[in-house]
Amino acid sequence: MFVAYKYKLYQTKKLKYIHNKIDISGIIYNHCIALHKRYYRIYK
């Protein structure tokens, strides 16, 4: 049997800042993967 908990996180300045940094990190990470794939396809 599983027990699930739900928590509501209210938007504060600190949470918005952290969320923004996580979003930016994800964009940079995906961009680096795309560059790696592109260079591998071109130069093997």
PDB file of N, CA and C in Angstrom:
ATOM      1  N   MET A   1       0.843  -1.184   0.000  1.00  0.00           N
ATOM      2  CA  MET A   1       0.000   0.000   0.000  1.00  0.00           C
ATOM      3  C   MET A   1       0.886   1.245   0.000  1.00  0.00           C
ATOM      4  N   PHE A   2       0.537   2.165  -0.850  1.00  0.00           N
ATOM      5  CA  PHE A   2       1.305   3.399  -0.975  1.00  0.00           C
ATOM      6  C   PHE A   2       0.558   4.569  -0.358  1.00  0.00           C
ATOM      7  N   VAL A   3       1.302   5.465   0.197  1.00  0.00           N
ATOM      8  CA  VAL A   3       0.733   6.681   0.753  1.00  0.00           C
ATOM      9  C   VAL A   3       1.312   7.848  -0.036  1.00  0.00           C
ATOM     10  N   ALA A   4       0.451   8.702  -0.530  1.00  0.00           N
ATOM     11  CA  ALA A   4       0.903   9.855  -1.310  1.00  0.00           C
ATOM     12  C   ALA A   4       0.611  11.132  -0.539  1.00  0.00           C
ATOM     13  N   TYR A   5       1.550  12.041  -0.596  1.00  0.00           N
ATOM     14  CA  TYR A   5       1.388  13.343   0.043  1.00  0.00           C
ATOM     15  C   TYR A   5       1.461  14.423  -1.016  1.00  0.00           C
ATOM     16  N   LYS A   6       0.640  15.428  -0.885  1.00  0.00           N
ATOM     17  CA  LYS A   6       0.679  16.582  -1.779  1.00  0.00           C
ATOM     18  C   LYS A   6       1.037  17.804  -0.962  1.00  0.00           C
ATOM     19  N   TYR A   7       1.940  18.602  -1.523  1.00  0.00           N
ATOM     20  CA  TYR A   7       2.338  19.838  -0.861  1.00  0.00           C
ATOM     21  C   TYR A   7       2.142  20.990  -1.831  1.00  0.00           C
ATOM     22  N   LYS A   8       1.609  22.054  -1.328  1.00  0.00           N
ATOM     23  CA  LYS A   8       1.441  23.259  -2.144  1.00  0.00           C
ATOM     24  C   LYS A   8       2.597  24.193  -1.826  1.00  0.00           C
ATOM     25  N   LEU A   9       3.364  24.539  -2.852  1.00  0.00           N
ATOM     26  CA  LEU A   9       4.460  25.486  -2.670  1.00  0.00           C
ATOM     27  C   LEU A   9       3.996  26.841  -3.181  1.00  0.00           C
ATOM     28  N   TYR A  10       3.947  27.785  -2.306  1.00  0.00           N
ATOM     29  CA  TYR A  10       3.534  29.122  -2.684  1.00  0.00           C
ATOM     30  C   TYR A  10       4.708  29.862  -3.304  1.00  0.00           C
ATOM     31  N   GLN A  11       4.413  30.643  -4.307  1.00  0.00           N
ATOM     32  CA  GLN A  11       5.461  31.363  -5.020  1.00  0.00           C
ATOM     33  C   GLN A  11       6.006  32.504  -4.167  1.00  0.00           C
ATOM     34  N   THR A  12       7.226  32.330  -3.762  1.00  0.00           N
ATOM     35  CA  THR A  12       7.923  33.393  -3.062  1.00  0.00           C
ATOM     36  C   THR A  12       9.071  33.838  -3.949  1.00  0.00           C
ATOM     37  N   LYS A  13       9.725  34.908  -3.585  1.00  0.00           N
ATOM     38  CA  LYS A  13      10.847  35.389  -4.385  1.00  0.00           C
ATOM     39  C   LYS A  13      11.950  34.348  -4.471  1.00  0.00           C
ATOM     40  N   LYS A  14      12.196  33.675  -3.356  1.00  0.00           N
ATOM     41  CA  LYS A  14      13.253  32.664  -3.325  1.00  0.00           C
ATOM     42  C   LYS A  14      12.910  31.476  -4.225  1.00  0.00           C
ATOM     43  N   LEU A  15      11.666  31.004  -4.176  1.00  0.00           N
ATOM     44  CA  LEU A  15      11.274  29.881  -5.019  1.00  0.00           C
ATOM     45  C   LEU A  15      11.288  30.260  -6.493  1.00  0.00           C
ATOM     46  N   LYS A  16      10.867  31.469  -6.815  1.00  0.00           N
ATOM     47  CA  LYS A  16      10.906  31.924  -8.207  1.00  0.00           C
ATOM     48  C   LYS A  16      12.342  31.967  -8.709  1.00  0.00           C
ATOM     49  N   TYR A  17      13.253  32.425  -7.863  1.00  0.00           N
ATOM     50  CA  TYR A  17      14.667  32.493  -8.225  1.00  0.00           C
ATOM     51  C   TYR A  17      15.223  31.092  -8.484  1.00  0.00           C
ATOM     52  N   ILE A  18      14.914  30.152  -7.579  1.00  0.00           N
ATOM     53  CA  ILE A  18      15.402  28.774  -7.735  1.00  0.00           C
ATOM     54  C   ILE A  18      14.797  28.135  -8.989  1.00  0.00           C
ATOM     55  N   HIS A  19      13.512  28.327  -9.202  1.00  0.00           N
ATOM     56  CA  HIS A  19      12.839  27.763 -10.369  1.00  0.00           C
ATOM     57  C   HIS A  19      13.445  28.319 -11.654  1.00  0.00           C
ATOM     58  N   ASN A  20      13.740  29.596 -11.668  1.00  0.00           N
ATOM     59  CA  ASN A  20      14.348  30.225 -12.835  1.00  0.00           C
ATOM     60  C   ASN A  20      15.728  29.622 -13.119  1.00  0.00           C
ATOM     61  N   LYS A  21      16.522  29.425 -12.078  1.00  0.00           N
ATOM     62  CA  LYS A  21      17.861  28.851 -12.246  1.00  0.00           C
ATOM     63  C   LYS A  21      17.786  27.410 -12.751  1.00  0.00           C
ATOM     64  N   ILE A  22      16.816  26.643 -12.259  1.00  0.00           N
ATOM     65  CA  ILE A  22      16.644  25.268 -12.726  1.00  0.00           C
ATOM     66  C   ILE A  22      16.252  25.254 -14.206  1.00  0.00           C
ATOM     67  N   ASP A  23      15.353  26.144 -14.606  1.00  0.00           N
ATOM     68  CA  ASP A  23      14.958  26.240 -16.011  1.00  0.00           C
ATOM     69  C   ASP A  23      16.144  26.586 -16.900  1.00  0.00           C
ATOM     70  N   ILE A  24      16.939  27.564 -16.488  1.00  0.00           N
ATOM     71  CA  ILE A  24      18.104  27.973 -17.267  1.00  0.00           C
ATOM     72  C   ILE A  24      19.112  26.825 -17.367  1.00  0.00           C
ATOM     73  N   SER A  25      19.311  26.112 -16.266  1.00  0.00           N
ATOM     74  CA  SER A  25      20.236  24.973 -16.268  1.00  0.00           C
ATOM     75  C   SER A  25      19.778  23.902 -17.249  1.00  0.00           C
ATOM     76  N   GLY A  26      18.490  23.636 -17.301  1.00  0.00           N
ATOM     77  CA  GLY A  26      17.954  22.648 -18.232  1.00  0.00           C
ATOM     78  C   GLY A  26      18.142  23.062 -19.678  1.00  0.00           C
ATOM     79  N   ILE A  27      17.952  24.331 -19.967  1.00  0.00           N
ATOM     80  CA  ILE A  27      18.137  24.839 -21.327  1.00  0.00           C
ATOM     81  C   ILE A  27      19.598  24.704 -21.744  1.00  0.00           C
ATOM     82  N   ILE A  28      20.505  25.069 -20.863  1.00  0.00           N
ATOM     83  CA  ILE A  28      21.935  24.961 -21.165  1.00  0.00           C
ATOM     84  C   ILE A  28      22.329  23.500 -21.371  1.00  0.00           C
ATOM     85  N   TYR A  29      21.846  22.613 -20.511  1.00  0.00           N
ATOM     86  CA  TYR A  29      22.154  21.188 -20.614  1.00  0.00           C
ATOM     87  C   TYR A  29      21.680  20.626 -21.956  1.00  0.00           C
ATOM     88  N   ASN A  30      20.443  20.930 -22.338  1.00  0.00           N
ATOM     89  CA  ASN A  30      19.908  20.445 -23.609  1.00  0.00           C
ATOM     90  C   ASN A  30      20.668  21.021 -24.791  1.00  0.00           C
ATOM     91  N   HIS A  31      21.091  22.263 -24.690  1.00  0.00           N
ATOM     92  CA  HIS A  31      21.864  22.889 -25.758  1.00  0.00           C
ATOM     93  C   HIS A  31      23.211  22.188 -25.927  1.00  0.00           C
ATOM     94  N   CYS A  32      23.856  21.858 -24.814  1.00  0.00           N
ATOM     95  CA  CYS A  32      25.147  21.158 -24.878  1.00  0.00           C
ATOM     96  C   CYS A  32      24.991  19.773 -25.497  1.00  0.00           C
ATOM     97  N   ILE A  33      23.922  19.083 -25.171  1.00  0.00           N
ATOM     98  CA  ILE A  33      23.681  17.771 -25.779  1.00  0.00           C
ATOM     99  C   ILE A  33      23.474  17.920 -27.280  1.00  0.00           C
ATOM    100  N   ALA A  34      22.722  18.919 -27.696  1.00  0.00           N
ATOM    101  CA  ALA A  34      22.488  19.147 -29.122  1.00  0.00           C
ATOM    102  C   ALA A  34      23.794  19.461 -29.841  1.00  0.00           C
ATOM    103  N   LEU A  35      24.661  20.269 -29.225  1.00  0.00           N
ATOM    104  CA  LEU A  35      25.961  20.573 -29.838  1.00  0.00           C
ATOM    105  C   LEU A  35      26.804  19.313 -29.963  1.00  0.00           C
ATOM    106  N   HIS A  36      26.812  18.507 -28.937  1.00  0.00           N
ATOM    107  CA  HIS A  36      27.595  17.272 -28.957  1.00  0.00           C
ATOM    108  C   HIS A  36      27.119  16.358 -30.081  1.00  0.00           C
ATOM    109  N   LYS A  37      25.819  16.205 -30.222  1.00  0.00           N
ATOM    110  CA  LYS A  37      25.272  15.363 -31.295  1.00  0.00           C
ATOM    111  C   LYS A  37      25.628  15.917 -32.663  1.00  0.00           C
ATOM    112  N   ARG A  38      25.544  17.233 -32.798  1.00  0.00           N
ATOM    113  CA  ARG A  38      25.846  17.865 -34.079  1.00  0.00           C
ATOM    114  C   ARG A  38      27.308  17.674 -34.452  1.00  0.00           C
ATOM    115  N   TYR A  39      28.234  17.931 -33.522  1.00  0.00           N
ATOM    116  CA  TYR A  39      29.656  17.763 -33.817  1.00  0.00           C
ATOM    117  C   TYR A  39      30.010  16.313 -34.082  1.00  0.00           C
ATOM    118  N   TYR A  40      29.377  15.378 -33.362  1.00  0.00           N
ATOM    119  CA  TYR A  40      29.639  13.965 -33.606  1.00  0.00           C
ATOM    120  C   TYR A  40      29.179  13.569 -35.004  1.00  0.00           C
ATOM    121  N   ARG A  41      28.004  14.065 -35.407  1.00  0.00           N
ATOM    122  CA  ARG A  41      27.470  13.740 -36.737  1.00  0.00           C
ATOM    123  C   ARG A  41      28.387  14.303 -37.828  1.00  0.00           C
ATOM    124  N   ILE A  42      28.953  15.489 -37.606  1.00  0.00           N
ATOM    125  CA  ILE A  42      29.805  16.113 -38.624  1.00  0.00           C
ATOM    126  C   ILE A  42      31.201  15.484 -38.657  1.00  0.00           C
ATOM    127  N   TYR A  43      31.831  15.323 -37.502  1.00  0.00           N
ATOM    128  CA  TYR A  43      33.234  14.927 -37.448  1.00  0.00           C
ATOM    129  C   TYR A  43      33.457  13.457 -37.065  1.00  0.00           C
ATOM    130  N   LYS A  44      32.456  12.779 -36.637  1.00  0.00           N
ATOM    131  CA  LYS A  44      32.535  11.384 -36.185  1.00  0.00           C
ATOM    132  C   LYS A  44      33.592  11.272 -35.133  1.00  0.00           C
TER     133      LYS A  44
END
